[in-house]
Amino acid sequence: MRLAENIKLLRERYKLSQSELAEMLGFSKTQGAISVQNYETGYIQPSIATLTKITNIFYVSFDWLFGRDTSKDGEPPDFIDVKEKQRLAEIKKLEKGRLLKIEKLKKELAELEGVADDGK
């Protein structure tokens, strides 16, 4: 159960909602929040790809995430480091920008497909 507890601990320490973490992991907002909730309760286990994203987002090791690294009394490594929080904010900003660009491209593609269909 340590994995579930640590995922929730990280999310709460960085003041992220389940939906925000879901977006950072590349999930849809609604379905992703349900997935994050299931990870935090231990109902389901994240995939290796998702675990890797979690370790990269929060700068923690797999050992810490799974509760095998207890060198800091269960606290995330370097949690208090302000630079880490700034990096997380930058990542969050980049992810949001990326999602907006994807939505814009989807709309442009849909418009182009509509134009192509009109020409037939």
N, C-alpha and C. Protein backbone atom coordinates (compact mmCIF):
# COMPACT_ATOMS: atom_id res chain seq x y z
N MET A 1 0.81 -1.19 0.00
CA MET A 1 0.00 0.00 0.00
C MET A 1 0.86 1.27 0.00
N ARG A 2 2.14 1.13 0.22
CA ARG A 2 3.03 2.29 0.29
C ARG A 2 3.01 3.08 -1.01
N LEU A 3 2.92 2.39 -2.15
CA LEU A 3 2.88 3.07 -3.44
C LEU A 3 1.69 4.02 -3.49
N ALA A 4 0.53 3.54 -3.15
CA ALA A 4 -0.69 4.36 -3.17
C ALA A 4 -0.53 5.58 -2.25
N GLU A 5 -0.03 5.35 -1.06
CA GLU A 5 0.15 6.44 -0.10
C GLU A 5 1.14 7.48 -0.62
N ASN A 6 2.21 7.03 -1.24
CA ASN A 6 3.23 7.96 -1.73
C ASN A 6 2.74 8.78 -2.93
N ILE A 7 1.95 8.17 -3.80
CA ILE A 7 1.39 8.93 -4.92
C ILE A 7 0.51 10.06 -4.38
N LYS A 8 -0.34 9.73 -3.42
CA LYS A 8 -1.22 10.74 -2.83
C LYS A 8 -0.41 11.80 -2.09
N LEU A 9 0.62 11.38 -1.35
CA LEU A 9 1.47 12.31 -0.62
C LEU A 9 2.11 13.32 -1.57
N LEU A 10 2.67 12.84 -2.65
CA LEU A 10 3.31 13.73 -3.62
C LEU A 10 2.31 14.71 -4.22
N ARG A 11 1.17 14.20 -4.64
CA ARG A 11 0.16 15.07 -5.25
C ARG A 11 -0.28 16.16 -4.28
N GLU A 12 -0.54 15.77 -3.04
CA GLU A 12 -1.01 16.74 -2.04
C GLU A 12 0.09 17.73 -1.66
N ARG A 13 1.32 17.26 -1.54
CA ARG A 13 2.42 18.16 -1.17
C ARG A 13 2.65 19.23 -2.22
N TYR A 14 2.42 18.88 -3.48
CA TYR A 14 2.60 19.86 -4.55
C TYR A 14 1.29 20.56 -4.90
N LYS A 15 0.29 20.35 -4.04
CA LYS A 15 -1.00 21.04 -4.16
C LYS A 15 -1.62 20.88 -5.55
N LEU A 16 -1.62 19.65 -6.03
CA LEU A 16 -2.24 19.33 -7.31
C LEU A 16 -3.56 18.61 -7.06
N SER A 17 -4.53 18.89 -7.90
CA SER A 17 -5.77 18.11 -7.84
C SER A 17 -5.52 16.79 -8.57
N GLN A 18 -6.42 15.86 -8.39
CA GLN A 18 -6.28 14.59 -9.12
C GLN A 18 -6.37 14.84 -10.62
N SER A 19 -7.22 15.77 -11.02
CA SER A 19 -7.35 16.10 -12.45
C SER A 19 -6.07 16.71 -13.00
N GLU A 20 -5.43 17.58 -12.22
CA GLU A 20 -4.19 18.20 -12.68
C GLU A 20 -3.09 17.16 -12.85
N LEU A 21 -2.97 16.25 -11.88
CA LEU A 21 -1.96 15.20 -12.01
C LEU A 21 -2.29 14.31 -13.21
N ALA A 22 -3.56 14.02 -13.39
CA ALA A 22 -3.98 13.19 -14.53
C ALA A 22 -3.55 13.83 -15.84
N GLU A 23 -3.75 15.14 -15.97
CA GLU A 23 -3.34 15.84 -17.19
C GLU A 23 -1.83 15.77 -17.38
N MET A 24 -1.08 15.93 -16.29
CA MET A 24 0.38 15.86 -16.38
C MET A 24 0.84 14.47 -16.80
N LEU A 25 0.04 13.46 -16.46
CA LEU A 25 0.37 12.09 -16.84
C LEU A 25 -0.12 11.76 -18.25
N GLY A 26 -0.83 12.71 -18.86
CA GLY A 26 -1.28 12.51 -20.24
C GLY A 26 -2.64 11.86 -20.36
N PHE A 27 -3.40 11.83 -19.26
CA PHE A 27 -4.75 11.25 -19.29
C PHE A 27 -5.77 12.33 -19.60
N SER A 28 -6.94 11.91 -20.04
CA SER A 28 -8.04 12.87 -20.18
C SER A 28 -8.43 13.34 -18.79
N LYS A 29 -8.99 14.52 -18.72
CA LYS A 29 -9.27 15.13 -17.42
C LYS A 29 -10.20 14.28 -16.56
N THR A 30 -11.33 13.85 -17.11
CA THR A 30 -12.32 13.10 -16.33
C THR A 30 -11.84 11.70 -16.01
N GLN A 31 -11.51 10.95 -17.03
CA GLN A 31 -11.09 9.56 -16.82
C GLN A 31 -9.78 9.51 -16.04
N GLY A 32 -8.91 10.47 -16.28
CA GLY A 32 -7.63 10.51 -15.59
C GLY A 32 -7.76 10.70 -14.10
N ALA A 33 -8.70 11.57 -13.69
CA ALA A 33 -8.90 11.80 -12.25
C ALA A 33 -9.35 10.52 -11.57
N ILE A 34 -10.17 9.74 -12.27
CA ILE A 34 -10.62 8.45 -11.71
C ILE A 34 -9.43 7.51 -11.59
N SER A 35 -8.56 7.51 -12.60
CA SER A 35 -7.36 6.66 -12.55
C SER A 35 -6.47 7.05 -11.38
N VAL A 36 -6.22 8.35 -11.21
CA VAL A 36 -5.38 8.81 -10.11
C VAL A 36 -6.01 8.43 -8.77
N GLN A 37 -7.31 8.60 -8.66
CA GLN A 37 -8.00 8.21 -7.42
C GLN A 37 -7.81 6.71 -7.16
N ASN A 38 -7.91 5.91 -8.19
CA ASN A 38 -7.72 4.46 -8.03
C ASN A 38 -6.28 4.12 -7.65
N TYR A 39 -5.31 4.86 -8.18
CA TYR A 39 -3.91 4.66 -7.79
C TYR A 39 -3.73 4.98 -6.31
N GLU A 40 -4.34 6.08 -5.88
CA GLU A 40 -4.16 6.54 -4.50
C GLU A 40 -4.85 5.65 -3.47
N THR A 41 -5.88 4.97 -3.88
CA THR A 41 -6.56 4.04 -2.96
C THR A 41 -5.98 2.64 -3.04
N GLY A 42 -5.14 2.41 -4.04
CA GLY A 42 -4.56 1.09 -4.22
C GLY A 42 -5.49 0.13 -4.95
N TYR A 43 -6.58 0.66 -5.49
CA TYR A 43 -7.54 -0.17 -6.20
C TYR A 43 -6.93 -0.74 -7.48
N ILE A 44 -6.15 0.08 -8.17
CA ILE A 44 -5.40 -0.40 -9.34
C ILE A 44 -3.96 0.08 -9.23
N GLN A 45 -3.07 -0.59 -9.92
CA GLN A 45 -1.65 -0.23 -9.95
C GLN A 45 -1.35 0.51 -11.25
N PRO A 46 -0.57 1.58 -11.19
CA PRO A 46 -0.19 2.27 -12.42
C PRO A 46 0.71 1.39 -13.29
N SER A 47 0.66 1.62 -14.58
CA SER A 47 1.55 0.90 -15.50
C SER A 47 2.98 1.37 -15.28
N ILE A 48 3.92 0.62 -15.82
CA ILE A 48 5.33 1.02 -15.72
C ILE A 48 5.54 2.39 -16.36
N ALA A 49 4.88 2.62 -17.49
CA ALA A 49 5.01 3.92 -18.16
C ALA A 49 4.50 5.05 -17.27
N THR A 50 3.38 4.83 -16.61
CA THR A 50 2.82 5.85 -15.72
C THR A 50 3.71 6.04 -14.50
N LEU A 51 4.23 4.96 -13.94
CA LEU A 51 5.15 5.08 -12.80
C LEU A 51 6.38 5.89 -13.18
N THR A 52 6.88 5.66 -14.38
CA THR A 52 8.05 6.41 -14.85
C THR A 52 7.72 7.90 -14.94
N LYS A 53 6.53 8.22 -15.47
CA LYS A 53 6.12 9.63 -15.55
C LYS A 53 6.02 10.24 -14.15
N ILE A 54 5.48 9.49 -13.20
CA ILE A 54 5.34 10.00 -11.83
C ILE A 54 6.72 10.30 -11.24
N THR A 55 7.67 9.38 -11.42
CA THR A 55 9.01 9.61 -10.88
C THR A 55 9.66 10.82 -11.54
N ASN A 56 9.42 11.02 -12.82
CA ASN A 56 10.00 12.16 -13.53
C ASN A 56 9.34 13.47 -13.15
N ILE A 57 8.04 13.48 -12.98
CA ILE A 57 7.31 14.69 -12.61
C ILE A 57 7.75 15.18 -11.23
N PHE A 58 7.87 14.25 -10.28
CA PHE A 58 8.15 14.64 -8.90
C PHE A 58 9.60 14.45 -8.48
N TYR A 59 10.45 14.05 -9.41
CA TYR A 59 11.88 13.88 -9.12
C TYR A 59 12.13 12.94 -7.94
N VAL A 60 11.46 11.81 -7.96
CA VAL A 60 11.69 10.79 -6.93
C VAL A 60 12.12 9.50 -7.61
N SER A 61 12.72 8.62 -6.85
CA SER A 61 13.15 7.33 -7.40
C SER A 61 12.02 6.31 -7.29
N PHE A 62 12.15 5.24 -8.05
CA PHE A 62 11.22 4.13 -7.91
C PHE A 62 11.29 3.56 -6.50
N ASP A 63 12.50 3.49 -5.95
CA ASP A 63 12.65 2.98 -4.59
C ASP A 63 11.84 3.81 -3.60
N TRP A 64 11.92 5.13 -3.72
CA TRP A 64 11.15 5.97 -2.81
C TRP A 64 9.65 5.77 -3.03
N LEU A 65 9.25 5.76 -4.30
CA LEU A 65 7.84 5.64 -4.63
C LEU A 65 7.23 4.36 -4.06
N PHE A 66 8.01 3.28 -4.08
CA PHE A 66 7.52 1.99 -3.57
C PHE A 66 7.80 1.80 -2.08
N GLY A 67 8.36 2.82 -1.43
CA GLY A 67 8.57 2.75 0.01
C GLY A 67 9.81 2.00 0.43
N ARG A 68 10.73 1.78 -0.49
CA ARG A 68 11.96 1.05 -0.15
C ARG A 68 13.07 1.98 0.31
N ASP A 69 12.94 3.27 0.04
CA ASP A 69 13.95 4.25 0.45
C ASP A 69 13.37 5.03 1.62
N THR A 70 13.80 4.70 2.82
CA THR A 70 13.26 5.36 4.01
C THR A 70 14.30 6.27 4.65
N SER A 71 15.27 6.71 3.86
CA SER A 71 16.36 7.52 4.40
C SER A 71 15.89 8.89 4.90
N LYS A 72 14.72 9.34 4.48
CA LYS A 72 14.26 10.66 4.89
C LYS A 72 12.93 10.56 5.63
N ASP A 73 12.77 9.55 6.45
CA ASP A 73 11.55 9.38 7.26
C ASP A 73 10.29 9.41 6.42
N GLY A 74 10.35 8.85 5.24
CA GLY A 74 9.17 8.78 4.39
C GLY A 74 8.86 10.02 3.61
N GLU A 75 9.62 11.08 3.80
CA GLU A 75 9.38 12.31 3.05
C GLU A 75 9.98 12.19 1.66
N PRO A 76 9.37 12.84 0.67
CA PRO A 76 9.97 12.83 -0.66
C PRO A 76 11.36 13.47 -0.62
N PRO A 77 12.30 12.94 -1.36
CA PRO A 77 13.65 13.52 -1.37
C PRO A 77 13.62 15.00 -1.76
N ASP A 78 14.33 15.81 -1.02
CA ASP A 78 14.48 17.24 -1.31
C ASP A 78 13.15 17.95 -1.50
N PHE A 79 12.15 17.53 -0.76
CA PHE A 79 10.82 18.11 -0.93
C PHE A 79 10.82 19.61 -0.70
N ILE A 80 11.58 20.08 0.26
CA ILE A 80 11.53 21.48 0.65
C ILE A 80 12.25 22.37 -0.37
N ASP A 81 13.04 21.79 -1.25
CA ASP A 81 13.80 22.56 -2.23
C ASP A 81 12.87 23.38 -3.13
N VAL A 82 13.03 24.68 -3.08
CA VAL A 82 12.20 25.59 -3.86
C VAL A 82 12.40 25.38 -5.36
N LYS A 83 13.63 25.07 -5.75
CA LYS A 83 13.90 24.86 -7.18
C LYS A 83 13.07 23.70 -7.73
N GLU A 84 12.85 22.69 -6.92
CA GLU A 84 12.04 21.56 -7.36
C GLU A 84 10.60 22.02 -7.61
N LYS A 85 10.09 22.87 -6.74
CA LYS A 85 8.74 23.37 -6.92
C LYS A 85 8.66 24.22 -8.19
N GLN A 86 9.71 25.00 -8.44
CA GLN A 86 9.73 25.83 -9.65
C GLN A 86 9.76 24.94 -10.89
N ARG A 87 10.54 23.88 -10.85
CA ARG A 87 10.59 22.96 -11.99
C ARG A 87 9.23 22.32 -12.24
N LEU A 88 8.56 21.93 -11.16
CA LEU A 88 7.24 21.33 -11.30
C LEU A 88 6.27 22.34 -11.92
N ALA A 89 6.33 23.58 -11.49
CA ALA A 89 5.46 24.62 -12.05
C ALA A 89 5.76 24.82 -13.53
N GLU A 90 7.05 24.80 -13.90
CA GLU A 90 7.42 24.94 -15.31
C GLU A 90 6.90 23.78 -16.13
N ILE A 91 7.02 22.58 -15.59
CA ILE A 91 6.53 21.39 -16.30
C ILE A 91 5.02 21.49 -16.49
N LYS A 92 4.34 21.91 -15.44
CA LYS A 92 2.89 22.06 -15.49
C LYS A 92 2.50 23.06 -16.58
N LYS A 93 3.23 24.16 -16.65
CA LYS A 93 2.98 25.20 -17.65
C LYS A 93 3.22 24.67 -19.06
N LEU A 94 4.32 23.94 -19.24
CA LEU A 94 4.64 23.37 -20.55
C LEU A 94 3.59 22.36 -20.97
N GLU A 95 3.15 21.52 -20.03
CA GLU A 95 2.13 20.52 -20.34
C GLU A 95 0.83 21.19 -20.76
N LYS A 96 0.46 22.25 -20.05
CA LYS A 96 -0.77 22.97 -20.38
C LYS A 96 -0.66 23.56 -21.78
N GLY A 97 0.50 24.16 -22.09
CA GLY A 97 0.73 24.73 -23.41
C GLY A 97 0.68 23.67 -24.50
N ARG A 98 1.26 22.52 -24.20
CA ARG A 98 1.24 21.41 -25.16
C ARG A 98 -0.18 20.94 -25.43
N LEU A 99 -0.97 20.83 -24.38
CA LEU A 99 -2.36 20.39 -24.54
C LEU A 99 -3.16 21.40 -25.36
N LEU A 100 -2.91 22.69 -25.14
CA LEU A 100 -3.60 23.72 -25.92
C LEU A 100 -3.22 23.63 -27.40
N LYS A 101 -1.93 23.40 -27.68
CA LYS A 101 -1.49 23.27 -29.07
C LYS A 101 -2.13 22.06 -29.73
N ILE A 102 -2.25 20.96 -29.00
CA ILE A 102 -2.87 19.75 -29.55
C ILE A 102 -4.33 20.02 -29.90
N GLU A 103 -5.04 20.70 -29.00
CA GLU A 103 -6.45 21.04 -29.26
C GLU A 103 -6.57 21.94 -30.49
N LYS A 104 -5.67 22.90 -30.61
CA LYS A 104 -5.69 23.80 -31.77
C LYS A 104 -5.45 23.02 -33.05
N LEU A 105 -4.49 22.11 -33.03
CA LEU A 105 -4.20 21.29 -34.21
C LEU A 105 -5.38 20.39 -34.57
N LYS A 106 -6.05 19.86 -33.56
CA LYS A 106 -7.23 19.02 -33.81
C LYS A 106 -8.31 19.82 -34.52
N LYS A 107 -8.55 21.06 -34.06
CA LYS A 107 -9.56 21.91 -34.68
C LYS A 107 -9.18 22.23 -36.12
N GLU A 108 -7.90 22.57 -36.34
CA GLU A 108 -7.44 22.88 -37.69
C GLU A 108 -7.59 21.67 -38.61
N LEU A 109 -7.28 20.49 -38.11
CA LEU A 109 -7.41 19.27 -38.90
C LEU A 109 -8.87 19.01 -39.24
N ALA A 110 -9.74 19.20 -38.27
CA ALA A 110 -11.17 19.00 -38.51
C ALA A 110 -11.68 19.97 -39.58
N GLU A 111 -11.20 21.23 -39.52
CA GLU A 111 -11.59 22.21 -40.52
C GLU A 111 -11.08 21.82 -41.89
N LEU A 112 -9.84 21.34 -41.95
CA LEU A 112 -9.28 20.93 -43.24
C LEU A 112 -10.03 19.73 -43.81
N GLU A 113 -10.39 18.81 -42.94
CA GLU A 113 -11.15 17.65 -43.40
C GLU A 113 -12.52 18.08 -43.92
N GLY A 114 -13.12 19.06 -43.29
CA GLY A 114 -14.41 19.59 -43.73
C GLY A 114 -14.29 20.24 -45.10
N VAL A 115 -13.21 20.97 -45.33
CA VAL A 115 -12.97 21.62 -46.62
C VAL A 115 -12.76 20.55 -47.69
N ALA A 116 -12.00 19.51 -47.36
CA ALA A 116 -11.73 18.43 -48.33
C ALA A 116 -13.03 17.71 -48.69
N ASP A 117 -13.92 17.50 -47.72
CA ASP A 117 -15.19 16.83 -47.98
C ASP A 117 -16.09 17.70 -48.86
N ASP A 118 -16.04 19.01 -48.69
CA ASP A 118 -16.86 19.94 -49.49
C ASP A 118 -16.42 19.94 -50.94
N GLY A 119 -15.15 19.66 -51.19
CA GLY A 119 -14.60 19.69 -52.55
C GLY A 119 -14.90 18.44 -53.35
N LYS A 120 -15.50 17.42 -52.77
CA LYS A 120 -15.76 16.17 -53.50
C LYS A 120 -17.01 16.23 -54.30
